[in-house]
Structure formats: structure tokens, C-alpha cells
Amino acid sequence: MISVHGSEDRYRGGEPDAGIETRHALSFGSFYDPENLRFGPVLACNEERLAAGAGFDEHPHSHTEILTWVVEGELTHRDSAGHSTVVRAGDLAHLSAAAGVRHVERNDGEAPLTFLQVWLAPLESGGEPSYTVVPGIADSTPYAVPAAGAMLHVRRLAGGERTALPDAVRLYVHVVRGRVAVHGEELGPGDAARITGADGLEAAAVGEAAELLVWELR
């Protein structure tokens, strides 16, 4: 089964007056939809747009695996475990909040910042927080998140190119750039497909080049 969720259907949040625009794919904060709480371990999929100088002041997280994909610009990250990094376009950042951590996320650059952030529920609670950045993750290089029973696949397709999707109990497919056809459905930037019982599926770039993130979920 495949369920397509368009970019225009996302709940708009954030603080626009402070230079923060957020688009939520699932229930988040004050937005509550009992039919759209989570998809397997996926608790949130937020598109964040930060103006130059804008950001999220220090705030806590716990028992959550947080994966951040920078689309454009530079994201400054600082946390209570002593990590301080700049995450750039094409980089993947992974914050394992474990038993608890506090962090800051800001756009300290001069250009607008856009990033996608996915929150995953861990299989077990507790542990020590950790933070990892994979710079310039290569196409088709999977990134495992064993704490949540998940695997991220990055796909960058030339116009007309096709790629096999993993066979899995669940797939969450998010289009970053371009247009992509999946099982007879066409998705554009910001659109997502939630697939259950994926078997023998393909994704194809429609027209020009495309970039998509594919979450393989238990």
C-alpha cells in the first residue's frame, strides 16, 4: 500500500516573525491529528527554513534519534555533550538523544538555510547521547540507525534514471529535489510516500534530475 502526502498538505508552524518557517508532515506540537501521529518509528518529518541569524535556542530532547539532512545553507549545531559543528548541504547529522541532551540549532551564515529533520523512536530507552556528522554522503550509500531499526538510503537520479527501492515492511520516501514516480504516483519537492509491504518497487526521475531520501523501516 502506498499513501502520498503532498508538500501543500503539511502543517505550517515555526515562528515566521523570527525567521523560522516549519512544515510538519505528522502531528507535532500544537498540531494534533489522531490519524497522523506516526509512521512506524517515524515520529516527525519537519522541513525547516531559517533566515540568516535565525534559529532554535537551547532546548532538550530525550529518547529520540534525530536525523538532519541539510538541503541548502549551513546549520550550526551545539549541544550539552560538548559537540559544536557546522553541517553543510549534502551532509547528514545524527543526534542520538538517549537519556537526555540539550542542543542549539542556528543559521549563523549569511544565506537562507533549509533542512529536513526526521525523528525516530528508539527500540530501547536510555543510554548516552551521541552526535555524528557524515559529510557529503555518497549516492546509494546507506546509513544505518540500528537504535531505531532503520536505514537511510540517499538516491540522486539523472533525468529518466530509475532505482530499485528496498523491499521492506515500511518505506518512507521524501523527495528533496525534482520529480519522482513511484508505483504510478508522481511526487514533487517536499512530497512524501508512505509505503507498507514494499516489494519490487522502483523510483524514477521524471524529467530532470532528482534527489530523494528513502527510509527503510522495521
Protein backbone atom coordinates (compact mmCIF):
# COMPACT_ATOMS: atom_id res chain seq x y z
CA MET A 1 0.00 0.00 0.00
CA ILE A 2 1.23 3.49 -0.83
CA SER A 3 -0.05 6.73 0.65
CA VAL A 4 1.13 10.02 -0.88
CA HIS A 5 1.34 13.14 1.28
CA GLY A 6 1.86 16.36 -0.64
CA SER A 7 4.03 19.26 0.43
CA GLU A 8 0.98 21.54 0.39
CA ASP A 9 -0.71 19.28 2.96
CA ARG A 10 1.96 19.84 5.59
CA TYR A 11 1.02 21.75 8.73
CA ARG A 12 2.75 25.13 8.81
CA GLY A 13 4.39 26.04 12.10
CA GLY A 14 7.51 27.74 13.39
CA GLU A 15 7.83 31.45 14.11
CA PRO A 16 7.76 33.33 10.79
CA ASP A 17 8.32 36.68 12.52
CA ALA A 18 11.57 35.27 13.93
CA GLY A 19 12.70 33.92 10.56
CA ILE A 20 11.65 30.31 11.29
CA GLU A 21 9.27 28.51 8.93
CA THR A 22 8.41 24.89 9.61
CA ARG A 23 6.29 22.44 7.70
CA HIS A 24 5.26 19.32 9.62
CA ALA A 25 4.36 16.03 7.92
CA LEU A 26 2.98 14.45 11.12
CA SER A 27 1.30 15.65 14.30
CA PHE A 28 3.68 17.94 16.13
CA GLY A 29 3.39 20.44 18.98
CA SER A 30 0.03 22.19 18.91
CA PHE A 31 -0.97 20.40 15.68
CA TYR A 32 -2.75 17.15 16.52
CA ASP A 33 -4.28 14.75 14.03
CA PRO A 34 -5.18 11.35 15.56
CA GLU A 35 -4.95 9.79 12.08
CA ASN A 36 -1.44 11.14 11.51
CA LEU A 37 0.57 10.53 14.67
CA ARG A 38 3.48 8.45 13.36
CA PHE A 39 4.56 6.02 10.66
CA GLY A 40 6.31 3.06 12.23
CA PRO A 41 9.22 4.58 14.17
CA VAL A 42 8.90 7.94 12.33
CA LEU A 43 7.63 10.45 14.90
CA ALA A 44 8.26 13.63 12.89
CA CYS A 45 9.40 14.78 9.48
CA ASN A 46 9.89 18.54 9.54
CA GLU A 47 11.01 20.83 6.75
CA GLU A 48 12.79 23.77 8.39
CA ARG A 49 13.64 27.08 6.77
CA LEU A 50 15.76 29.52 8.79
CA ALA A 51 16.60 33.04 7.71
CA ALA A 52 20.14 34.31 8.28
CA GLY A 53 20.67 34.76 12.02
CA ALA A 54 17.57 32.77 12.99
CA GLY A 55 17.48 29.54 14.93
CA PHE A 56 16.30 27.43 17.82
CA ASP A 57 17.68 28.36 21.23
CA GLU A 58 18.86 25.63 23.59
CA HIS A 59 16.15 23.02 24.14
CA PRO A 60 16.04 19.42 25.42
CA HIS A 61 15.50 16.07 23.72
CA SER A 62 15.38 12.52 25.08
CA HIS A 63 14.69 9.02 23.79
CA THR A 64 14.75 10.14 20.14
CA GLU A 65 17.03 9.51 17.17
CA ILE A 66 17.16 12.80 15.22
CA LEU A 67 18.47 12.77 11.63
CA THR A 68 19.10 16.07 9.84
CA TRP A 69 19.64 16.46 6.09
CA VAL A 70 20.80 19.92 5.02
CA VAL A 71 19.32 20.90 1.65
CA GLU A 72 20.92 24.33 1.30
CA GLY A 73 22.89 26.67 3.54
CA GLU A 74 24.78 25.83 6.74
CA LEU A 75 23.41 24.62 10.07
CA THR A 76 25.31 25.36 13.29
CA HIS A 77 24.84 22.72 15.99
CA ARG A 78 25.96 22.90 19.63
CA ASP A 79 24.95 20.52 22.40
CA SER A 80 25.38 19.83 26.09
CA ALA A 81 27.63 16.83 25.34
CA GLY A 82 30.27 19.24 24.01
CA HIS A 83 29.73 18.92 20.26
CA SER A 84 29.94 22.02 18.09
CA THR A 85 29.73 21.64 14.32
CA VAL A 86 28.60 23.24 11.08
CA VAL A 87 26.53 20.92 8.90
CA ARG A 88 26.52 21.83 5.19
CA ALA A 89 24.37 20.97 2.19
CA GLY A 90 24.64 17.28 1.39
CA ASP A 91 25.75 16.42 4.92
CA LEU A 92 23.84 14.11 7.26
CA ALA A 93 23.80 14.75 11.02
CA HIS A 94 22.61 12.20 13.58
CA LEU A 95 21.83 13.19 17.16
CA SER A 96 21.03 10.27 19.44
CA ALA A 97 19.32 11.99 22.37
CA ALA A 98 19.34 8.82 24.51
CA ALA A 99 18.58 9.58 28.18
CA GLY A 100 18.76 13.32 27.55
CA VAL A 101 20.66 16.10 25.80
CA ARG A 102 20.22 19.81 25.13
CA HIS A 103 21.18 21.50 21.89
CA VAL A 104 21.09 24.67 19.82
CA GLU A 105 20.38 24.83 16.08
CA ARG A 106 21.06 28.08 14.22
CA ASN A 107 21.70 29.64 10.87
CA ASP A 108 24.84 31.62 11.59
CA GLY A 109 25.54 32.08 7.88
CA GLU A 110 24.51 34.88 5.56
CA ALA A 111 22.33 32.78 3.23
CA PRO A 112 18.97 31.11 3.91
CA LEU A 113 19.09 27.63 5.41
CA THR A 114 16.80 24.72 4.54
CA PHE A 115 16.99 21.33 6.18
CA LEU A 116 14.86 18.24 6.67
CA GLN A 117 14.69 16.66 10.10
CA VAL A 118 13.32 13.21 10.86
CA TRP A 119 12.69 11.99 14.42
CA LEU A 120 12.72 8.23 15.04
CA ALA A 121 11.58 6.36 18.14
CA PRO A 122 14.36 4.14 19.56
CA LEU A 123 13.83 0.44 20.18
CA GLU A 124 15.09 0.89 23.74
CA SER A 125 15.24 3.92 26.01
CA GLY A 126 18.23 5.26 27.95
CA GLY A 127 21.90 5.29 27.12
CA GLU A 128 24.43 8.05 26.48
CA PRO A 129 23.80 10.76 23.90
CA SER A 130 25.96 10.88 20.79
CA TYR A 131 26.35 13.07 17.72
CA THR A 132 27.69 12.10 14.27
CA VAL A 133 28.09 14.03 11.02
CA VAL A 134 28.59 12.25 7.70
CA PRO A 135 29.93 14.92 5.30
CA GLY A 136 28.88 14.72 1.67
CA ILE A 137 27.23 11.32 1.98
CA ALA A 138 27.60 9.48 -1.30
CA ASP A 139 24.76 8.38 -3.53
CA SER A 140 23.41 4.91 -2.73
CA THR A 141 25.48 4.74 0.47
CA PRO A 142 23.16 3.51 3.22
CA TYR A 143 23.30 4.97 6.71
CA ALA A 144 22.17 2.62 9.46
CA VAL A 145 20.30 3.75 12.57
CA PRO A 146 20.23 0.45 14.49
CA ALA A 147 18.87 2.10 17.63
CA ALA A 148 15.61 2.69 15.73
CA GLY A 149 15.73 -0.32 13.40
CA ALA A 150 16.05 1.98 10.38
CA MET A 151 18.27 2.50 7.35
CA LEU A 152 18.54 5.69 5.29
CA HIS A 153 19.23 5.43 1.55
CA VAL A 154 20.17 8.56 -0.42
CA ARG A 155 19.30 8.47 -4.11
CA ARG A 156 20.38 11.04 -6.69
CA LEU A 157 18.96 10.28 -10.11
CA ALA A 158 19.68 11.72 -13.54
CA GLY A 159 16.68 12.60 -15.70
CA GLY A 160 14.82 9.42 -16.61
CA GLU A 161 17.03 7.24 -14.40
CA ARG A 162 15.42 4.51 -12.29
CA THR A 163 16.43 2.93 -8.99
CA ALA A 164 15.17 -0.06 -7.07
CA LEU A 165 13.62 0.64 -3.69
CA PRO A 166 14.36 -1.69 -0.77
CA ASP A 167 11.91 -4.47 -0.01
CA ALA A 168 10.74 -3.64 3.49
CA VAL A 169 7.87 -3.75 5.95
CA ARG A 170 7.72 0.05 5.65
CA LEU A 171 9.35 2.70 3.47
CA TYR A 172 9.18 6.46 3.93
CA VAL A 173 10.21 8.24 0.73
CA HIS A 174 10.80 12.00 0.73
CA VAL A 175 11.58 13.95 -2.44
CA VAL A 176 14.18 16.67 -1.87
CA ARG A 177 14.56 17.90 -5.47
CA GLY A 178 12.99 17.19 -8.84
CA ARG A 179 10.03 14.95 -9.59
CA VAL A 180 9.88 11.22 -8.93
CA ALA A 181 7.45 8.49 -9.98
CA VAL A 182 6.81 5.66 -7.51
CA HIS A 183 4.30 2.88 -8.25
CA GLY A 184 2.22 5.07 -10.53
CA GLU A 185 2.31 8.11 -8.24
CA GLU A 186 4.27 11.25 -9.14
CA LEU A 187 5.89 13.21 -6.31
CA GLY A 188 7.47 16.66 -6.36
CA PRO A 189 9.76 18.53 -3.95
CA GLY A 190 8.58 18.16 -0.35
CA ASP A 191 6.17 15.34 -1.20
CA ALA A 192 6.43 12.01 0.59
CA ALA A 193 5.18 8.47 0.10
CA ARG A 194 4.48 6.12 3.00
CA ILE A 195 4.65 2.55 1.77
CA THR A 196 3.79 -0.65 3.61
CA GLY A 197 4.76 -4.08 2.33
CA ALA A 198 7.23 -2.72 -0.23
CA ASP A 199 8.19 -5.45 -2.70
CA GLY A 200 9.86 -4.98 -6.07
CA LEU A 201 9.21 -1.23 -6.28
CA GLU A 202 11.20 1.32 -8.27
CA ALA A 203 11.54 5.10 -8.26
CA ALA A 204 12.20 7.03 -11.47
CA ALA A 205 13.22 10.64 -12.05
CA VAL A 206 10.58 12.38 -14.16
CA GLY A 207 12.10 14.95 -16.49
CA GLU A 208 15.22 16.44 -14.88
CA ALA A 209 17.50 15.13 -12.13
CA ALA A 210 16.02 14.29 -8.73
CA GLU A 211 17.15 13.65 -5.17
CA LEU A 212 15.21 11.55 -2.69
CA LEU A 213 15.67 10.14 0.79
CA VAL A 214 14.38 6.63 1.41
CA TRP A 215 13.88 5.40 4.96
CA GLU A 216 13.81 1.62 5.27
CA LEU A 217 11.90 0.82 8.47
CA ARG A 218 11.19 -2.26 10.50
